[in-house]
Amino acid sequence: MAQGSNFVDYVKVCCRSGRGGAGSAHLHRDKFTAKGGPDGGDGGRGGHILLKGNAQLWTLLHLKYRKHILAEDGQPGGSALKHGANGKDEVLEVPLGTVARHADTDELLFDITEDGETKVLTAGGRGGLGNWHFKSPTQQTPRFAQPGESGKEEWMILELKVLADVGLVGFPNAGKSTLLSVVSAAKPEIADYPFTTLVPNLGIVSYRDNRSFIMADIPGIIEGASEGKGLGHRFLRHIERNSVLLFMIPADTNRTIAEEYQILLNELIAFNPELKDKPRILAITKSDLLDDELQQEMTKELPDGIPHLFISSVSNKNIQQLKDKIWQTITG
């Protein structure tokens, strides 16, 4: 199985909520009462379709083949003011960071960011009112009741945006997976060719005094990613949720570091202009190849206004300092 084939971050589902039960038009009768008043109960609510956050999930794979989600109808009301049973809700568990959108209008409905957080995706129809609601001085025995409200049928898009404290941004081969494997227990696939990382990898990075933060290795950007080239929008959306962006550029890049940084930044801003407001750190990777003199020369050409570090995941050069810098920025 190809790496990442279990990682599904986009599904489109047809949601049909339950119909509300009809109200009852019953008139009270017993052996002592030949012509009693109205005592028809209300119908039950149709079942909702709910989304519920589950911190143990990391993909929408379990929903990929469930194209139609159906909730139960509500039951009709009965005599003696008996309320019909509500239809059973259909609960879809989703990973944290899942966004719900209406497929037809693209309207953003809500996102799920906490474990156990539950929100209504498609509401069930309301139950009809029983005839006792319609009793009045002029109409003491109403022989009618409300029908239940129809459920809704609508297509919804569920999209996962990875939640992490730090997102790693860089072209393929910038050393992102290697850094993640060194600073956390994550075991991303690593090889010396572009696009080894096809899905976001998350790692928990241990910090001083038993503290930790989450780092996401996001698939490498290529020029034109914001226009959908390469893996394009598929992974740029994951960067939107990161608190800090760690730009990673290898010391042996063919361009200057300032040029490569600008291209990466332009791709992010073209995708979502708000990304330019996120805190940024620059790490020049594979710096074990540099001597002090070369490092000083390169420092003169670095982009302005962004804190930088020369690091090497292989020799552990400045890795602790990088963690310190990230922690200061997150807690800033």
C-alpha atoms as a PDB file:
ATOM      1  CA  MET A   1       0.000   0.000   0.000  1.00  0.00           C
ATOM      2  CA  ALA A   2       1.423   3.384  -0.957  1.00  0.00           C
ATOM      3  CA  GLN A   3       2.504   5.602   1.872  1.00  0.00           C
ATOM      4  CA  GLY A   4      -0.319   7.878   2.893  1.00  0.00           C
ATOM      5  CA  SER A   5      -3.077   6.017   1.057  1.00  0.00           C
ATOM      6  CA  ASN A   6      -4.878   5.773   4.402  1.00  0.00           C
ATOM      7  CA  PHE A   7      -4.694   9.518   4.877  1.00  0.00           C
ATOM      8  CA  VAL A   8      -7.942  11.041   3.615  1.00  0.00           C
ATOM      9  CA  ASP A   9      -8.391  14.766   4.257  1.00  0.00           C
ATOM     10  CA  TYR A  10     -11.454  15.481   2.074  1.00  0.00           C
ATOM     11  CA  VAL A  11     -14.823  13.734   1.778  1.00  0.00           C
ATOM     12  CA  LYS A  12     -18.168  14.715   0.256  1.00  0.00           C
ATOM     13  CA  VAL A  13     -21.220  13.109   1.824  1.00  0.00           C
ATOM     14  CA  CYS A  14     -24.970  13.280   1.262  1.00  0.00           C
ATOM     15  CA  CYS A  15     -26.709  13.906   4.593  1.00  0.00           C
ATOM     16  CA  ARG A  16     -30.373  13.139   5.055  1.00  0.00           C
ATOM     17  CA  SER A  17     -31.763  14.045   8.451  1.00  0.00           C
ATOM     18  CA  GLY A  18     -34.892  12.455   9.914  1.00  0.00           C
ATOM     19  CA  ARG A  19     -38.421  13.655   9.299  1.00  0.00           C
ATOM     20  CA  GLY A  20     -40.344  14.918  12.328  1.00  0.00           C
ATOM     21  CA  GLY A  21     -43.185  12.727  13.590  1.00  0.00           C
ATOM     22  CA  ALA A  22     -46.782  13.911  13.083  1.00  0.00           C
ATOM     23  CA  GLY A  23     -48.749  15.342  15.975  1.00  0.00           C
ATOM     24  CA  SER A  24     -51.787  13.346  17.109  1.00  0.00           C
ATOM     25  CA  ALA A  25     -55.395  14.603  16.643  1.00  0.00           C
ATOM     26  CA  HIS A  26     -56.745  12.232  19.297  1.00  0.00           C
ATOM     27  CA  LEU A  27     -59.769  13.163  21.450  1.00  0.00           C
ATOM     28  CA  HIS A  28     -59.904  11.789  24.976  1.00  0.00           C
ATOM     29  CA  ARG A  29     -62.280   8.824  25.394  1.00  0.00           C
ATOM     30  CA  ASP A  30     -62.751   6.369  28.237  1.00  0.00           C
ATOM     31  CA  LYS A  31     -65.654   4.541  29.817  1.00  0.00           C
ATOM     32  CA  PHE A  32     -66.582   7.613  31.853  1.00  0.00           C
ATOM     33  CA  THR A  33     -65.986  10.164  29.051  1.00  0.00           C
ATOM     34  CA  ALA A  34     -67.901   9.984  25.799  1.00  0.00           C
ATOM     35  CA  LYS A  35     -66.779  13.341  24.461  1.00  0.00           C
ATOM     36  CA  GLY A  36     -63.494  14.379  26.021  1.00  0.00           C
ATOM     37  CA  GLY A  37     -61.214  17.182  24.904  1.00  0.00           C
ATOM     38  CA  PRO A  38     -58.147  16.966  22.704  1.00  0.00           C
ATOM     39  CA  ASP A  39     -55.258  14.920  24.145  1.00  0.00           C
ATOM     40  CA  GLY A  40     -53.107  14.258  21.073  1.00  0.00           C
ATOM     41  CA  GLY A  41     -49.372  14.364  21.845  1.00  0.00           C
ATOM     42  CA  ASP A  42     -46.599  15.985  19.816  1.00  0.00           C
ATOM     43  CA  GLY A  43     -44.543  14.114  17.256  1.00  0.00           C
ATOM     44  CA  GLY A  44     -40.876  13.388  17.941  1.00  0.00           C
ATOM     45  CA  ARG A  45     -38.032  15.339  16.335  1.00  0.00           C
ATOM     46  CA  GLY A  46     -36.318  13.759  13.357  1.00  0.00           C
ATOM     47  CA  GLY A  47     -32.748  12.579  13.952  1.00  0.00           C
ATOM     48  CA  HIS A  48     -29.923  15.095  13.461  1.00  0.00           C
ATOM     49  CA  ILE A  49     -26.654  14.310  11.709  1.00  0.00           C
ATOM     50  CA  LEU A  50     -23.931  15.378  14.135  1.00  0.00           C
ATOM     51  CA  LEU A  51     -20.162  15.780  13.940  1.00  0.00           C
ATOM     52  CA  LYS A  52     -18.180  14.878  17.039  1.00  0.00           C
ATOM     53  CA  GLY A  53     -14.471  15.551  17.573  1.00  0.00           C
ATOM     54  CA  ASN A  54     -12.313  12.538  18.391  1.00  0.00           C
ATOM     55  CA  ALA A  55      -8.665  13.187  19.293  1.00  0.00           C
ATOM     56  CA  GLN A  56      -7.777   9.563  18.472  1.00  0.00           C
ATOM     57  CA  LEU A  57      -8.646   9.979  14.788  1.00  0.00           C
ATOM     58  CA  TRP A  58      -6.219  11.525  12.295  1.00  0.00           C
ATOM     59  CA  THR A  59      -7.947  10.903   8.957  1.00  0.00           C
ATOM     60  CA  LEU A  60     -11.411  10.955   7.343  1.00  0.00           C
ATOM     61  CA  LEU A  61     -10.772   7.516   5.803  1.00  0.00           C
ATOM     62  CA  HIS A  62     -13.687   5.904   7.687  1.00  0.00           C
ATOM     63  CA  LEU A  63     -16.110   8.264   5.896  1.00  0.00           C
ATOM     64  CA  LYS A  64     -14.623   7.899   2.416  1.00  0.00           C
ATOM     65  CA  TYR A  65     -17.003   5.123   1.339  1.00  0.00           C
ATOM     66  CA  ARG A  66     -20.068   6.272   3.313  1.00  0.00           C
ATOM     67  CA  LYS A  67     -21.616   8.478   0.664  1.00  0.00           C
ATOM     68  CA  HIS A  68     -25.104   8.585   2.227  1.00  0.00           C
ATOM     69  CA  ILE A  69     -25.630   9.358   5.890  1.00  0.00           C
ATOM     70  CA  LEU A  70     -29.230   8.767   7.027  1.00  0.00           C
ATOM     71  CA  ALA A  71     -30.747   9.671  10.391  1.00  0.00           C
ATOM     72  CA  GLU A  72     -33.960   8.136  11.787  1.00  0.00           C
ATOM     73  CA  ASP A  73     -37.424   9.688  11.472  1.00  0.00           C
ATOM     74  CA  GLY A  74     -39.270  10.870  14.578  1.00  0.00           C
ATOM     75  CA  GLN A  75     -42.279   8.869  15.774  1.00  0.00           C
ATOM     76  CA  PRO A  76     -45.861  10.244  15.746  1.00  0.00           C
ATOM     77  CA  GLY A  77     -47.476  11.534  18.912  1.00  0.00           C
ATOM     78  CA  GLY A  78     -50.074   9.409  20.714  1.00  0.00           C
ATOM     79  CA  SER A  79     -53.142   9.758  22.881  1.00  0.00           C
ATOM     80  CA  ALA A  80     -53.032  10.983  26.482  1.00  0.00           C
ATOM     81  CA  LEU A  81     -50.501  13.666  25.419  1.00  0.00           C
ATOM     82  CA  LYS A  82     -47.915  10.976  24.669  1.00  0.00           C
ATOM     83  CA  HIS A  83     -44.898  12.508  22.948  1.00  0.00           C
ATOM     84  CA  GLY A  84     -43.529  10.566  19.986  1.00  0.00           C
ATOM     85  CA  ALA A  85     -39.951   9.271  20.318  1.00  0.00           C
ATOM     86  CA  ASN A  86     -37.240  11.397  18.735  1.00  0.00           C
ATOM     87  CA  GLY A  87     -35.441   9.875  15.763  1.00  0.00           C
ATOM     88  CA  LYS A  88     -31.985   8.500  16.586  1.00  0.00           C
ATOM     89  CA  ASP A  89     -29.209  10.966  15.755  1.00  0.00           C
ATOM     90  CA  GLU A  90     -26.437   9.836  13.417  1.00  0.00           C
ATOM     91  CA  VAL A  91     -23.069  10.775  14.973  1.00  0.00           C
ATOM     92  CA  LEU A  92     -20.010  11.041  12.709  1.00  0.00           C
ATOM     93  CA  GLU A  93     -16.738  11.048  14.618  1.00  0.00           C
ATOM     94  CA  VAL A  94     -14.079  13.194  12.966  1.00  0.00           C
ATOM     95  CA  PRO A  95     -10.472  14.190  13.698  1.00  0.00           C
ATOM     96  CA  LEU A  96      -9.776  17.544  15.345  1.00  0.00           C
ATOM     97  CA  GLY A  97      -9.314  20.246  12.728  1.00  0.00           C
ATOM     98  CA  THR A  98     -12.223  19.050  10.565  1.00  0.00           C
ATOM     99  CA  VAL A  99     -14.079  21.845   8.756  1.00  0.00           C
ATOM    100  CA  ALA A 100     -17.672  21.436   7.516  1.00  0.00           C
ATOM    101  CA  ARG A 101     -18.840  23.267   4.403  1.00  0.00           C
ATOM    102  CA  HIS A 102     -22.022  23.248   2.350  1.00  0.00           C
ATOM    103  CA  ALA A 103     -21.193  21.629  -1.006  1.00  0.00           C
ATOM    104  CA  ASP A 104     -23.577  23.767  -3.089  1.00  0.00           C
ATOM    105  CA  THR A 105     -22.777  27.199  -1.654  1.00  0.00           C
ATOM    106  CA  ASP A 106     -19.261  26.519  -0.293  1.00  0.00           C
ATOM    107  CA  GLU A 107     -20.477  28.240   2.888  1.00  0.00           C
ATOM    108  CA  LEU A 108     -18.275  27.486   5.904  1.00  0.00           C
ATOM    109  CA  LEU A 109     -20.531  26.066   8.620  1.00  0.00           C
ATOM    110  CA  PHE A 110     -18.156  25.370  11.531  1.00  0.00           C
ATOM    111  CA  ASP A 111     -15.027  23.512  12.512  1.00  0.00           C
ATOM    112  CA  ILE A 112     -14.353  20.923  15.174  1.00  0.00           C
ATOM    113  CA  THR A 113     -11.246  21.645  17.233  1.00  0.00           C
ATOM    114  CA  GLU A 114     -11.780  19.926  20.605  1.00  0.00           C
ATOM    115  CA  ASP A 115     -12.147  16.326  21.708  1.00  0.00           C
ATOM    116  CA  GLY A 116     -15.819  15.543  22.347  1.00  0.00           C
ATOM    117  CA  GLU A 117     -17.042  18.786  20.744  1.00  0.00           C
ATOM    118  CA  THR A 118     -20.375  18.012  19.018  1.00  0.00           C
ATOM    119  CA  LYS A 119     -22.169  20.167  16.440  1.00  0.00           C
ATOM    120  CA  VAL A 120     -25.245  19.697  14.253  1.00  0.00           C
ATOM    121  CA  LEU A 121     -24.317  19.214  10.587  1.00  0.00           C
ATOM    122  CA  THR A 122     -27.852  18.649   9.242  1.00  0.00           C
ATOM    123  CA  ALA A 123     -30.793  19.266  11.573  1.00  0.00           C
ATOM    124  CA  GLY A 124     -33.719  16.855  11.777  1.00  0.00           C
ATOM    125  CA  GLY A 125     -37.267  18.042  11.071  1.00  0.00           C
ATOM    126  CA  ARG A 126     -39.325  19.294  14.013  1.00  0.00           C
ATOM    127  CA  GLY A 127     -42.142  17.113  15.287  1.00  0.00           C
ATOM    128  CA  GLY A 128     -45.717  18.261  14.615  1.00  0.00           C
ATOM    129  CA  LEU A 129     -47.789  19.687  17.468  1.00  0.00           C
ATOM    130  CA  GLY A 130     -50.665  17.585  18.818  1.00  0.00           C
ATOM    131  CA  ASN A 131     -54.237  18.882  18.708  1.00  0.00           C
ATOM    132  CA  TRP A 132     -54.270  19.942  22.371  1.00  0.00           C
ATOM    133  CA  HIS A 133     -52.093  22.944  21.388  1.00  0.00           C
ATOM    134  CA  PHE A 134     -54.916  24.249  19.208  1.00  0.00           C
ATOM    135  CA  LYS A 135     -57.636  24.203  21.848  1.00  0.00           C
ATOM    136  CA  SER A 136     -59.243  27.619  22.380  1.00  0.00           C
ATOM    137  CA  PRO A 137     -62.477  29.011  23.878  1.00  0.00           C
ATOM    138  CA  THR A 138     -64.029  29.025  20.407  1.00  0.00           C
ATOM    139  CA  GLN A 139     -62.596  25.703  19.284  1.00  0.00           C
ATOM    140  CA  GLN A 140     -62.695  23.272  22.181  1.00  0.00           C
ATOM    141  CA  THR A 141     -62.282  20.041  20.242  1.00  0.00           C
ATOM    142  CA  PRO A 142     -59.840  20.650  17.377  1.00  0.00           C
ATOM    143  CA  ARG A 143     -59.736  17.523  15.214  1.00  0.00           C
ATOM    144  CA  PHE A 144     -56.507  18.399  13.493  1.00  0.00           C
ATOM    145  CA  ALA A 145     -52.811  18.366  14.358  1.00  0.00           C
ATOM    146  CA  GLN A 146     -49.588  19.436  12.674  1.00  0.00           C
ATOM    147  CA  PRO A 147     -47.718  17.096  10.370  1.00  0.00           C
ATOM    148  CA  GLY A 148     -44.040  16.637  11.105  1.00  0.00           C
ATOM    149  CA  GLU A 149     -41.464  18.812   9.338  1.00  0.00           C
ATOM    150  CA  SER A 150     -39.528  17.139   6.550  1.00  0.00           C
ATOM    151  CA  GLY A 151     -35.890  16.292   7.128  1.00  0.00           C
ATOM    152  CA  LYS A 152     -33.197  17.918   4.975  1.00  0.00           C
ATOM    153  CA  GLU A 153     -31.149  16.309   2.267  1.00  0.00           C
ATOM    154  CA  GLU A 154     -27.945  18.150   1.427  1.00  0.00           C
ATOM    155  CA  TRP A 155     -24.405  17.459   0.261  1.00  0.00           C
ATOM    156  CA  MET A 156     -21.700  18.433   2.722  1.00  0.00           C
ATOM    157  CA  ILE A 157     -17.935  18.673   2.405  1.00  0.00           C
ATOM    158  CA  LEU A 158     -15.751  17.649   5.328  1.00  0.00           C
ATOM    159  CA  GLU A 159     -12.160  18.794   5.084  1.00  0.00           C
ATOM    160  CA  LEU A 160      -9.329  18.144   7.494  1.00  0.00           C
ATOM    161  CA  LYS A 161      -6.836  20.879   8.295  1.00  0.00           C
ATOM    162  CA  VAL A 162      -4.079  19.567  10.517  1.00  0.00           C
ATOM    163  CA  LEU A 163      -3.821  21.282  13.904  1.00  0.00           C
ATOM    164  CA  ALA A 164      -0.239  21.781  15.002  1.00  0.00           C
ATOM    165  CA  ASP A 165       1.869  24.361  16.813  1.00  0.00           C
ATOM    166  CA  VAL A 166       4.577  24.424  14.150  1.00  0.00           C
ATOM    167  CA  GLY A 167       4.236  23.793  10.427  1.00  0.00           C
ATOM    168  CA  LEU A 168       7.365  22.971   8.439  1.00  0.00           C
ATOM    169  CA  VAL A 169       7.445  24.848   5.129  1.00  0.00           C
ATOM    170  CA  GLY A 170       9.934  24.109   2.384  1.00  0.00           C
ATOM    171  CA  PHE A 171      10.546  22.659  -1.031  1.00  0.00           C
ATOM    172  CA  PRO A 172      10.892  18.888  -1.389  1.00  0.00           C
ATOM    173  CA  ASN A 173      14.231  17.657  -0.011  1.00  0.00           C
ATOM    174  CA  ALA A 174      14.652  20.566   2.429  1.00  0.00           C
ATOM    175  CA  GLY A 175      15.177  18.148   5.341  1.00  0.00           C
ATOM    176  CA  LYS A 176      11.752  18.528   6.953  1.00  0.00           C
ATOM    177  CA  SER A 177      11.124  14.810   7.511  1.00  0.00           C
ATOM    178  CA  THR A 178      14.649  14.335   8.845  1.00  0.00           C
ATOM    179  CA  LEU A 179      14.181  17.138  11.389  1.00  0.00           C
ATOM    180  CA  LEU A 180      10.855  15.682  12.526  1.00  0.00           C
ATOM    181  CA  SER A 181      12.399  12.233  12.970  1.00  0.00           C
ATOM    182  CA  VAL A 182      15.215  13.733  15.081  1.00  0.00           C
ATOM    183  CA  VAL A 183      13.125  15.929  17.394  1.00  0.00           C
ATOM    184  CA  SER A 184      10.119  13.630  17.869  1.00  0.00           C
ATOM    185  CA  ALA A 185       9.120   9.984  17.914  1.00  0.00           C
ATOM    186  CA  ALA A 186       7.432  10.315  14.505  1.00  0.00           C
ATOM    187  CA  LYS A 187       8.861   8.035  11.828  1.00  0.00           C
ATOM    188  CA  PRO A 188       8.190   9.739   8.490  1.00  0.00           C
ATOM    189  CA  GLU A 189       9.401   8.089   5.308  1.00  0.00           C
ATOM    190  CA  ILE A 190      12.729   9.679   4.379  1.00  0.00           C
ATOM    191  CA  ALA A 191      14.645   9.398   1.132  1.00  0.00           C
ATOM    192  CA  ASP A 192      16.699  11.650  -1.085  1.00  0.00           C
ATOM    193  CA  TYR A 193      14.088  12.379  -3.715  1.00  0.00           C
ATOM    194  CA  PRO A 194      11.257  14.921  -3.959  1.00  0.00           C
ATOM    195  CA  PHE A 195       7.780  14.212  -2.642  1.00  0.00           C
ATOM    196  CA  THR A 196       8.728  11.456  -0.230  1.00  0.00           C
ATOM    197  CA  THR A 197       6.194  13.035   2.099  1.00  0.00           C
ATOM    198  CA  LEU A 198       2.777  12.737   0.507  1.00  0.00           C
ATOM    199  CA  VAL A 199       0.730  13.357   3.647  1.00  0.00           C
ATOM    200  CA  PRO A 200       1.225  15.569   6.705  1.00  0.00           C
ATOM    201  CA  ASN A 201       3.201  13.815   9.435  1.00  0.00           C
ATOM    202  CA  LEU A 202       2.636  14.942  13.005  1.00  0.00           C
ATOM    203  CA  GLY A 203       5.215  14.596  15.750  1.00  0.00           C
ATOM    204  CA  ILE A 204       5.152  15.540  19.419  1.00  0.00           C
ATOM    205  CA  VAL A 205       8.386  17.337  20.297  1.00  0.00           C
ATOM    206  CA  SER A 206       9.488  17.006  23.917  1.00  0.00           C
ATOM    207  CA  TYR A 207      10.741  20.232  25.438  1.00  0.00           C
ATOM    208  CA  ARG A 208      12.281  21.215  28.770  1.00  0.00           C
ATOM    209  CA  ASP A 209      10.388  20.550  32.051  1.00  0.00           C
ATOM    210  CA  ASN A 210       8.112  17.888  30.510  1.00  0.00           C
ATOM    211  CA  ARG A 211       6.523  20.382  28.147  1.00  0.00           C
ATOM    212  CA  SER A 212       5.879  19.577  24.496  1.00  0.00           C
ATOM    213  CA  PHE A 213       4.565  20.992  21.235  1.00  0.00           C
ATOM    214  CA  ILE A 214       3.228  19.491  18.026  1.00  0.00           C
ATOM    215  CA  MET A 215       5.160  19.786  14.786  1.00  0.00           C
ATOM    216  CA  ALA A 216       3.662  19.021  11.368  1.00  0.00           C
ATOM    217  CA  ASP A 217       5.806  18.050   8.409  1.00  0.00           C
ATOM    218  CA  ILE A 218       3.703  19.191   5.476  1.00  0.00           C
ATOM    219  CA  PRO A 219       4.450  17.898   1.945  1.00  0.00           C
ATOM    220  CA  GLY A 220       7.016  19.988   0.087  1.00  0.00           C
ATOM    221  CA  ILE A 221       5.873  23.033  -1.811  1.00  0.00           C
ATOM    222  CA  ILE A 222       6.743  23.497  -5.459  1.00  0.00           C
ATOM    223  CA  GLU A 223       6.516  26.753  -7.354  1.00  0.00           C
ATOM    224  CA  GLY A 224       2.931  27.183  -8.523  1.00  0.00           C
ATOM    225  CA  ALA A 225       1.496  25.198  -5.608  1.00  0.00           C
ATOM    226  CA  SER A 226      -0.985  27.996  -4.879  1.00  0.00           C
ATOM    227  CA  GLU A 227      -2.365  27.472  -8.404  1.00  0.00           C
ATOM    228  CA  GLY A 228      -2.827  23.788  -7.652  1.00  0.00           C
ATOM    229  CA  LYS A 229       0.406  22.489  -9.254  1.00  0.00           C
ATOM    230  CA  GLY A 230       2.048  19.429  -7.722  1.00  0.00           C
ATOM    231  CA  LEU A 231       0.126  18.535  -4.591  1.00  0.00           C
ATOM    232  CA  GLY A 232      -1.035  22.161  -4.537  1.00  0.00           C
ATOM    233  CA  HIS A 233      -4.018  23.086  -2.417  1.00  0.00           C
ATOM    234  CA  ARG A 234      -4.172  19.586  -1.028  1.00  0.00           C
ATOM    235  CA  PHE A 235      -1.460  20.436   1.518  1.00  0.00           C
ATOM    236  CA  LEU A 236      -1.416  24.234   1.623  1.00  0.00           C
ATOM    237  CA  ARG A 237      -4.698  24.090   3.564  1.00  0.00           C
ATOM    238  CA  HIS A 238      -2.903  22.263   6.375  1.00  0.00           C
ATOM    239  CA  ILE A 239      -0.547  25.207   6.888  1.00  0.00           C
ATOM    240  CA  GLU A 240      -3.487  27.523   7.703  1.00  0.00           C
ATOM    241  CA  ARG A 241      -3.907  25.976  11.151  1.00  0.00           C
ATOM    242  CA  ASN A 242      -0.299  26.138  12.384  1.00  0.00           C
ATOM    243  CA  SER A 243       0.630  28.749  15.002  1.00  0.00           C
ATOM    244  CA  VAL A 244       4.225  29.181  13.805  1.00  0.00           C
ATOM    245  CA  LEU A 245       5.709  28.544  10.369  1.00  0.00           C
ATOM    246  CA  LEU A 246       9.242  27.151  10.271  1.00  0.00           C
ATOM    247  CA  PHE A 247      10.728  27.828   6.838  1.00  0.00           C
ATOM    248  CA  MET A 248      13.396  25.244   5.983  1.00  0.00           C
ATOM    249  CA  ILE A 249      15.911  25.923   3.227  1.00  0.00           C
ATOM    250  CA  PRO A 250      18.951  23.710   2.634  1.00  0.00           C
ATOM    251  CA  ALA A 251      22.389  25.315   2.703  1.00  0.00           C
ATOM    252  CA  ASP A 252      23.173  23.695  -0.666  1.00  0.00           C
ATOM    253  CA  THR A 253      20.214  25.276  -2.489  1.00  0.00           C
ATOM    254  CA  ASN A 254      20.763  26.254  -6.135  1.00  0.00           C
ATOM    255  CA  ARG A 255      19.218  29.687  -5.513  1.00  0.00           C
ATOM    256  CA  THR A 256      20.131  32.145  -2.785  1.00  0.00           C
ATOM    257  CA  ILE A 257      18.389  31.516   0.513  1.00  0.00           C
ATOM    258  CA  ALA A 258      16.611  34.882   0.266  1.00  0.00           C
ATOM    259  CA  GLU A 259      15.236  33.954  -3.194  1.00  0.00           C
ATOM    260  CA  GLU A 260      14.008  30.558  -2.051  1.00  0.00           C
ATOM    261  CA  TYR A 261      12.418  32.043   1.074  1.00  0.00           C
ATOM    262  CA  GLN A 262      10.600  34.654  -1.031  1.00  0.00           C
ATOM    263  CA  ILE A 263       9.221  32.009  -3.415  1.00  0.00           C
ATOM    264  CA  LEU A 264       7.916  29.946  -0.492  1.00  0.00           C
ATOM    265  CA  LEU A 265       6.376  33.001   1.141  1.00  0.00           C
ATOM    266  CA  ASN A 266       4.759  34.101  -2.131  1.00  0.00           C
ATOM    267  CA  GLU A 267       3.140  30.672  -2.587  1.00  0.00           C
ATOM    268  CA  LEU A 268       1.679  30.795   0.916  1.00  0.00           C
ATOM    269  CA  ILE A 269       0.346  34.341   0.554  1.00  0.00           C
ATOM    270  CA  ALA A 270      -1.117  33.602  -2.906  1.00  0.00           C
ATOM    271  CA  PHE A 271      -3.034  30.719  -1.319  1.00  0.00           C
ATOM    272  CA  ASN A 272      -4.181  32.648   1.753  1.00  0.00           C
ATOM    273  CA  PRO A 273      -3.081  36.274   2.373  1.00  0.00           C
ATOM    274  CA  GLU A 274      -3.653  35.866   6.136  1.00  0.00           C
ATOM    275  CA  LEU A 275      -0.684  33.486   6.308  1.00  0.00           C
ATOM    276  CA  LYS A 276       1.682  36.451   6.035  1.00  0.00           C
ATOM    277  CA  ASP A 277       0.662  37.475   9.573  1.00  0.00           C
ATOM    278  CA  LYS A 278       1.799  34.207  11.171  1.00  0.00           C
ATOM    279  CA  PRO A 279       5.080  34.197  13.121  1.00  0.00           C
ATOM    280  CA  ARG A 280       7.945  32.801  11.041  1.00  0.00           C
ATOM    281  CA  ILE A 281      11.351  31.304  11.761  1.00  0.00           C
ATOM    282  CA  LEU A 282      13.995  30.437   9.166  1.00  0.00           C
ATOM    283  CA  ALA A 283      16.147  27.312   9.537  1.00  0.00           C
ATOM    284  CA  ILE A 284      19.018  26.786   7.121  1.00  0.00           C
ATOM    285  CA  THR A 285      19.325  22.989   7.015  1.00  0.00           C
ATOM    286  CA  LYS A 286      22.245  20.694   6.137  1.00  0.00           C
ATOM    287  CA  SER A 287      24.561  23.274   7.762  1.00  0.00           C
ATOM    288  CA  ASP A 288      27.049  20.631   8.927  1.00  0.00           C
ATOM    289  CA  LEU A 289      28.574  21.191   5.465  1.00  0.00           C
ATOM    290  CA  LEU A 290      29.436  24.826   6.272  1.00  0.00           C
ATOM    291  CA  ASP A 291      32.512  26.185   7.982  1.00  0.00           C
ATOM    292  CA  ASP A 292      32.287  29.361  10.093  1.00  0.00           C
ATOM    293  CA  GLU A 293      33.571  31.617   7.329  1.00  0.00           C
ATOM    294  CA  LEU A 294      31.015  30.389   4.788  1.00  0.00           C
ATOM    295  CA  GLN A 295      28.242  30.668   7.373  1.00  0.00           C
ATOM    296  CA  GLN A 296      29.145  34.306   8.057  1.00  0.00           C
ATOM    297  CA  GLU A 297      29.116  35.065   4.318  1.00  0.00           C
ATOM    298  CA  MET A 298      25.679  33.465   3.929  1.00  0.00           C
ATOM    299  CA  THR A 299      24.305  35.371   6.937  1.00  0.00           C
ATOM    300  CA  LYS A 300      24.855  38.676   5.096  1.00  0.00           C
ATOM    301  CA  GLU A 301      22.459  37.542   2.339  1.00  0.00           C
ATOM    302  CA  LEU A 302      19.632  36.255   4.532  1.00  0.00           C
ATOM    303  CA  PRO A 303      16.175  37.873   4.302  1.00  0.00           C
ATOM    304  CA  ASP A 304      15.510  40.697   6.747  1.00  0.00           C
ATOM    305  CA  GLY A 305      13.091  40.616   9.630  1.00  0.00           C
ATOM    306  CA  ILE A 306      12.964  36.882  10.276  1.00  0.00           C
ATOM    307  CA  PRO A 307      14.892  35.105  13.061  1.00  0.00           C
ATOM    308  CA  HIS A 308      17.223  32.444  11.641  1.00  0.00           C
ATOM    309  CA  LEU A 309      19.321  29.480  12.736  1.00  0.00           C
ATOM    310  CA  PHE A 310      21.823  27.295  10.911  1.00  0.00           C
ATOM    311  CA  ILE A 311      20.936  23.705  11.814  1.00  0.00           C
ATOM    312  CA  SER A 312      21.848  20.145  10.987  1.00  0.00           C
ATOM    313  CA  SER A 313      19.574  17.253  11.909  1.00  0.00           C
ATOM    314  CA  VAL A 314      22.386  14.800  11.159  1.00  0.00           C
ATOM    315  CA  SER A 315      24.998  16.348  13.486  1.00  0.00           C
ATOM    316  CA  ASN A 316      22.391  17.838  15.896  1.00  0.00           C
ATOM    317  CA  LYS A 317      23.798  21.304  15.266  1.00  0.00           C
ATOM    318  CA  ASN A 318      21.637  23.996  16.957  1.00  0.00           C
ATOM    319  CA  ILE A 319      18.658  21.622  17.325  1.00  0.00           C
ATOM    320  CA  GLN A 320      18.109  22.538  20.996  1.00  0.00           C
ATOM    321  CA  GLN A 321      18.436  26.234  20.146  1.00  0.00           C
ATOM    322  CA  LEU A 322      15.807  25.744  17.433  1.00  0.00           C
ATOM    323  CA  LYS A 323      13.433  24.155  19.964  1.00  0.00           C
ATOM    324  CA  ASP A 324      14.040  27.115  22.313  1.00  0.00           C
ATOM    325  CA  LYS A 325      13.306  29.608  19.537  1.00  0.00           C
ATOM    326  CA  ILE A 326      10.101  27.749  18.543  1.00  0.00           C
ATOM    327  CA  TRP A 327       8.930  27.564  22.163  1.00  0.00           C
ATOM    328  CA  GLN A 328       9.532  31.300  22.703  1.00  0.00           C
ATOM    329  CA  THR A 329       7.575  32.067  19.521  1.00  0.00           C
ATOM    330  CA  ILE A 330       4.634  29.797  20.386  1.00  0.00           C
ATOM    331  CA  THR A 331       4.330  31.099  23.936  1.00  0.00           C
ATOM    332  CA  GLY A 332       5.382  34.633  22.853  1.00  0.00           C
END
